[in-house]
PDB file of N, CA and C in Angstrom:
ATOM      1  N   MET A   1      66.582 128.350 -70.277  1.00  0.00           N
ATOM      2  CA  MET A   1      66.546 129.394 -71.265  1.00  0.00           C
ATOM      3  C   MET A   1      66.045 130.701 -70.666  1.00  0.00           C
ATOM      4  N   VAL A   2      65.127 130.586 -69.728  1.00  0.00           N
ATOM      5  CA  VAL A   2      64.588 131.793 -69.092  1.00  0.00           C
ATOM      6  C   VAL A   2      65.704 132.548 -68.387  1.00  0.00           C
ATOM      7  N   GLU A   3      66.598 131.815 -67.743  1.00  0.00           N
ATOM      8  CA  GLU A   3      67.717 132.452 -67.038  1.00  0.00           C
ATOM      9  C   GLU A   3      68.645 133.182 -68.011  1.00  0.00           C
ATOM     10  N   PHE A   4      68.717 132.716 -69.243  1.00  0.00           N
ATOM     11  CA  PHE A   4      69.547 133.365 -70.259  1.00  0.00           C
ATOM     12  C   PHE A   4      68.858 134.610 -70.831  1.00  0.00           C
ATOM     13  N   ILE A   5      67.558 134.518 -71.046  1.00  0.00           N
ATOM     14  CA  ILE A   5      66.817 135.604 -71.698  1.00  0.00           C
ATOM     15  C   ILE A   5      66.535 136.763 -70.753  1.00  0.00           C
ATOM     16  N   LYS A   6      66.253 136.472 -69.493  1.00  0.00           N
ATOM     17  CA  LYS A   6      65.839 137.518 -68.556  1.00  0.00           C
ATOM     18  C   LYS A   6      66.819 138.693 -68.464  1.00  0.00           C
ATOM     19  N   PRO A   7      68.122 138.492 -68.337  1.00  0.00           N
ATOM     20  CA  PRO A   7      69.033 139.647 -68.258  1.00  0.00           C
ATOM     21  C   PRO A   7      69.084 140.473 -69.546  1.00  0.00           C
ATOM     22  N   LYS A   8      68.715 139.874 -70.662  1.00  0.00           N
ATOM     23  CA  LYS A   8      68.763 140.581 -71.943  1.00  0.00           C
ATOM     24  C   LYS A   8      67.758 141.729 -71.996  1.00  0.00           C
ATOM     25  N   ILE A   9      66.675 141.633 -71.241  1.00  0.00           N
ATOM     26  CA  ILE A   9      65.625 142.656 -71.264  1.00  0.00           C
ATOM     27  C   ILE A   9      66.166 144.013 -70.847  1.00  0.00           C
ATOM     28  N   LYS A  10      67.091 144.030 -69.913  1.00  0.00           N
ATOM     29  CA  LYS A  10      67.608 145.294 -69.384  1.00  0.00           C
ATOM     30  C   LYS A  10      68.746 145.873 -70.217  1.00  0.00           C
ATOM     31  N   GLN A  11      69.279 145.120 -71.151  1.00  0.00           N
ATOM     32  CA  GLN A  11      70.395 145.605 -71.963  1.00  0.00           C
ATOM     33  C   GLN A  11      69.884 146.501 -73.091  1.00  0.00           C
ATOM     34  N   PRO A  12      70.530 147.658 -73.281  1.00  0.00           N
ATOM     35  CA  PRO A  12      70.039 148.628 -74.268  1.00  0.00           C
ATOM     36  C   PRO A  12      70.026 148.116 -75.711  1.00  0.00           C
ATOM     37  N   GLN A  13      70.926 147.222 -76.068  1.00  0.00           N
ATOM     38  CA  GLN A  13      70.956 146.755 -77.455  1.00  0.00           C
ATOM     39  C   GLN A  13      69.746 145.884 -77.806  1.00  0.00           C
ATOM     40  N   TYR A  14      69.009 145.435 -76.801  1.00  0.00           N
ATOM     41  CA  TYR A  14      67.821 144.620 -77.037  1.00  0.00           C
ATOM     42  C   TYR A  14      66.529 145.412 -76.832  1.00  0.00           C
ATOM     43  N   SER A  15      66.623 146.725 -76.792  1.00  0.00           N
ATOM     44  CA  SER A  15      65.441 147.549 -76.527  1.00  0.00           C
ATOM     45  C   SER A  15      64.389 147.418 -77.629  1.00  0.00           C
ATOM     46  N   LYS A  16      64.814 147.192 -78.863  1.00  0.00           N
ATOM     47  CA  LYS A  16      63.865 147.081 -79.979  1.00  0.00           C
ATOM     48  C   LYS A  16      63.033 145.806 -79.905  1.00  0.00           C
ATOM     49  N   CYS A  17      63.566 144.768 -79.292  1.00  0.00           N
ATOM     50  CA  CYS A  17      62.825 143.508 -79.220  1.00  0.00           C
ATOM     51  C   CYS A  17      62.442 143.151 -77.782  1.00  0.00           C
ATOM     52  N   LYS A  18      62.318 144.154 -76.941  1.00  0.00           N
ATOM     53  CA  LYS A  18      61.993 143.932 -75.533  1.00  0.00           C
ATOM     54  C   LYS A  18      60.649 143.212 -75.382  1.00  0.00           C
ATOM     55  N   LYS A  19      59.672 143.607 -76.176  1.00  0.00           N
ATOM     56  CA  LYS A  19      58.352 142.982 -76.100  1.00  0.00           C
ATOM     57  C   LYS A  19      58.436 141.493 -76.439  1.00  0.00           C
ATOM     58  N   GLU A  20      59.187 141.153 -77.474  1.00  0.00           N
ATOM     59  CA  GLU A  20      59.339 139.756 -77.866  1.00  0.00           C
ATOM     60  C   GLU A  20      60.068 138.953 -76.793  1.00  0.00           C
ATOM     61  N   LEU A  21      61.069 139.568 -76.166  1.00  0.00           N
ATOM     62  CA  LEU A  21      61.788 138.888 -75.086  1.00  0.00           C
ATOM     63  C   LEU A  21      60.861 138.606 -73.909  1.00  0.00           C
ATOM     64  N   LYS A  22      60.012 139.562 -73.583  1.00  0.00           N
ATOM     65  CA  LYS A  22      59.065 139.351 -72.484  1.00  0.00           C
ATOM     66  C   LYS A  22      58.070 138.249 -72.836  1.00  0.00           C
ATOM     67  N   THR A  23      57.661 138.198 -74.090  1.00  0.00           N
ATOM     68  CA  THR A  23      56.761 137.134 -74.533  1.00  0.00           C
ATOM     69  C   THR A  23      57.441 135.779 -74.402  1.00  0.00           C
ATOM     70  N   MET A  24      58.717 135.710 -74.798  1.00  0.00           N
ATOM     71  CA  MET A  24      59.459 134.455 -74.672  1.00  0.00           C
ATOM     72  C   MET A  24      59.595 134.041 -73.213  1.00  0.00           C
ATOM     73  N   LEU A  25      59.791 135.017 -72.328  1.00  0.00           N
ATOM     74  CA  LEU A  25      59.878 134.695 -70.903  1.00  0.00           C
ATOM     75  C   LEU A  25      58.574 134.096 -70.401  1.00  0.00           C
ATOM     76  N   SER A  26      57.460 134.681 -70.791  1.00  0.00           N
ATOM     77  CA  SER A  26      56.175 134.161 -70.321  1.00  0.00           C
ATOM     78  C   SER A  26      55.911 132.770 -70.885  1.00  0.00           C
ATOM     79  N   ILE A  27      56.309 132.522 -72.128  1.00  0.00           N
ATOM     80  CA  ILE A  27      56.158 131.184 -72.713  1.00  0.00           C
ATOM     81  C   ILE A  27      57.051 130.189 -71.974  1.00  0.00           C
ATOM     82  N   GLY A  28      58.277 130.586 -71.677  1.00  0.00           N
ATOM     83  CA  GLY A  28      59.214 129.702 -70.990  1.00  0.00           C
ATOM     84  C   GLY A  28      58.804 129.373 -69.571  1.00  0.00           C
ATOM     85  N   ARG A  29      58.119 130.293 -68.930  1.00  0.00           N
ATOM     86  CA  ARG A  29      57.686 130.067 -67.549  1.00  0.00           C
ATOM     87  C   ARG A  29      56.420 129.230 -67.474  1.00  0.00           C
ATOM     88  N   ASN A  30      55.665 129.185 -68.548  1.00  0.00           N
ATOM     89  CA  ASN A  30      54.430 128.417 -68.583  1.00  0.00           C
ATOM     90  C   ASN A  30      54.770 126.931 -68.709  1.00  0.00           C
ATOM     91  N   ALA A  31      54.082 126.104 -67.944  1.00  0.00           N
ATOM     92  CA  ALA A  31      54.350 124.667 -67.970  1.00  0.00           C
ATOM     93  C   ALA A  31      54.042 124.062 -69.337  1.00  0.00           C
ATOM     94  N   LYS A  32      53.072 124.621 -70.039  1.00  0.00           N
ATOM     95  CA  LYS A  32      52.703 124.100 -71.355  1.00  0.00           C
ATOM     96  C   LYS A  32      53.385 124.855 -72.490  1.00  0.00           C
ATOM     97  N   GLY A  33      54.220 125.811 -72.149  1.00  0.00           N
ATOM     98  CA  GLY A  33      54.908 126.600 -73.173  1.00  0.00           C
ATOM     99  C   GLY A  33      56.047 125.827 -73.807  1.00  0.00           C
ATOM    100  N   HIS A  34      56.234 126.028 -75.080  1.00  0.00           N
ATOM    101  CA  HIS A  34      57.308 125.362 -75.822  1.00  0.00           C
ATOM    102  C   HIS A  34      58.246 126.434 -76.358  1.00  0.00           C
ATOM    103  N   LEU A  35      59.070 126.975 -75.483  1.00  0.00           N
ATOM    104  CA  LEU A  35      59.953 128.079 -75.844  1.00  0.00           C
ATOM    105  C   LEU A  35      60.956 127.666 -76.912  1.00  0.00           C
ATOM    106  N   GLU A  36      61.566 126.520 -76.748  1.00  0.00           N
ATOM    107  CA  GLU A  36      62.572 126.087 -77.718  1.00  0.00           C
ATOM    108  C   GLU A  36      61.953 125.904 -79.105  1.00  0.00           C
ATOM    109  N   GLU A  37      60.758 125.351 -79.156  1.00  0.00           N
ATOM    110  CA  GLU A  37      60.070 125.179 -80.436  1.00  0.00           C
ATOM    111  C   GLU A  37      59.806 126.535 -81.099  1.00  0.00           C
ATOM    112  N   ASN A  38      59.381 127.511 -80.309  1.00  0.00           N
ATOM    113  CA  ASN A  38      59.137 128.851 -80.842  1.00  0.00           C
ATOM    114  C   ASN A  38      60.424 129.495 -81.338  1.00  0.00           C
ATOM    115  N   LEU A  39      61.523 129.279 -80.633  1.00  0.00           N
ATOM    116  CA  LEU A  39      62.807 129.830 -81.069  1.00  0.00           C
ATOM    117  C   LEU A  39      63.259 129.207 -82.390  1.00  0.00           C
ATOM    118  N   TRP A  40      63.027 127.913 -82.564  1.00  0.00           N
ATOM    119  CA  TRP A  40      63.386 127.260 -83.826  1.00  0.00           C
ATOM    120  C   TRP A  40      62.538 127.804 -84.968  1.00  0.00           C
ATOM    121  N   GLN A  41      61.262 128.063 -84.703  1.00  0.00           N
ATOM    122  CA  GLN A  41      60.390 128.639 -85.729  1.00  0.00           C
ATOM    123  C   GLN A  41      60.853 130.039 -86.109  1.00  0.00           C
ATOM    124  N   MET A  42      61.217 130.837 -85.118  1.00  0.00           N
ATOM    125  CA  MET A  42      61.712 132.184 -85.395  1.00  0.00           C
ATOM    126  C   MET A  42      63.007 132.128 -86.195  1.00  0.00           C
ATOM    127  N   ASN A  43      63.867 131.177 -85.885  1.00  0.00           N
ATOM    128  CA  ASN A  43      65.120 131.016 -86.621  1.00  0.00           C
ATOM    129  C   ASN A  43      64.836 130.665 -88.082  1.00  0.00           C
ATOM    130  N   GLU A  44      63.892 129.780 -88.308  1.00  0.00           N
ATOM    131  CA  GLU A  44      63.537 129.396 -89.674  1.00  0.00           C
ATOM    132  C   GLU A  44      62.980 130.588 -90.456  1.00  0.00           C
ATOM    133  N   ILE A  45      62.136 131.380 -89.819  1.00  0.00           N
ATOM    134  CA  ILE A  45      61.593 132.581 -90.460  1.00  0.00           C
ATOM    135  C   ILE A  45      62.718 133.540 -90.812  1.00  0.00           C
ATOM    136  N   ASN A  46      63.652 133.716 -89.891  1.00  0.00           N
ATOM    137  CA  ASN A  46      64.787 134.607 -90.130  1.00  0.00           C
ATOM    138  C   ASN A  46      65.645 134.119 -91.293  1.00  0.00           C
ATOM    139  N   LEU A  47      65.919 132.829 -91.349  1.00  0.00           N
ATOM    140  CA  LEU A  47      66.726 132.282 -92.438  1.00  0.00           C
ATOM    141  C   LEU A  47      66.022 132.438 -93.783  1.00  0.00           C
ATOM    142  N   ASN A  48      64.712 132.223 -93.800  1.00  0.00           N
ATOM    143  CA  ASN A  48      63.950 132.411 -95.034  1.00  0.00           C
ATOM    144  C   ASN A  48      63.981 133.868 -95.472  1.00  0.00           C
ATOM    145  N   TYR A  49      63.867 134.756 -94.531  1.00  0.00           N
ATOM    146  CA  TYR A  49      63.902 136.190 -94.820  1.00  0.00           C
ATOM    147  C   TYR A  49      65.258 136.592 -95.394  1.00  0.00           C
ATOM    148  N   GLN A  50      66.326 136.087 -94.788  1.00  0.00           N
ATOM    149  CA  GLN A  50      67.673 136.388 -95.281  1.00  0.00           C
ATOM    150  C   GLN A  50      67.884 135.826 -96.681  1.00  0.00           C
ATOM    151  N   ALA A  51      67.417 134.609 -96.914  1.00  0.00           N
ATOM    152  CA  ALA A  51      67.577 133.980 -98.223  1.00  0.00           C
ATOM    153  C   ALA A  51      66.811 134.750 -99.293  1.00  0.00           C
ATOM    154  N   LYS A  52      65.691 135.281 -98.927  1.00  0.00           N
ATOM    155  CA  LYS A  52      64.859 136.038 -99.866  1.00  0.00           C
ATOM    156  C   LYS A  52      65.589 137.276-100.378  1.00  0.00           C
ATOM    157  N   PHE A  53      66.385 137.913 -99.528  1.00  0.00           N
ATOM    158  CA  PHE A  53      67.048 139.151 -99.901  1.00  0.00           C
ATOM    159  C   PHE A  53      68.502 138.975-100.346  1.00  0.00           C
ATOM    160  N   THR A  54      69.017 137.759-100.303  1.00  0.00           N
ATOM    161  CA  THR A  54      70.393 137.546-100.745  1.00  0.00           C
ATOM    162  C   THR A  54      70.460 136.994-102.160  1.00  0.00           C
ATOM    163  N   HIS A  55      69.337 136.550-102.689  1.00  0.00           N
ATOM    164  CA  HIS A  55      69.336 136.001-104.055  1.00  0.00           C
ATOM    165  C   HIS A  55      68.914 137.028-105.035  1.00  0.00           C
TER     166      HIS A  55
END
């Protein structure tokens, strides 16, 4: 996952979430980091947020 996220930092369309991408990289590089778990949590938060504004 780190190999996928790292190039995204330099792309202009991801400039607004650059800090979050760097945080994900540091979590992914840490032996005790659970990057995939954090991504699933972020996805759940996003889905809840979308559901809140679509009803």
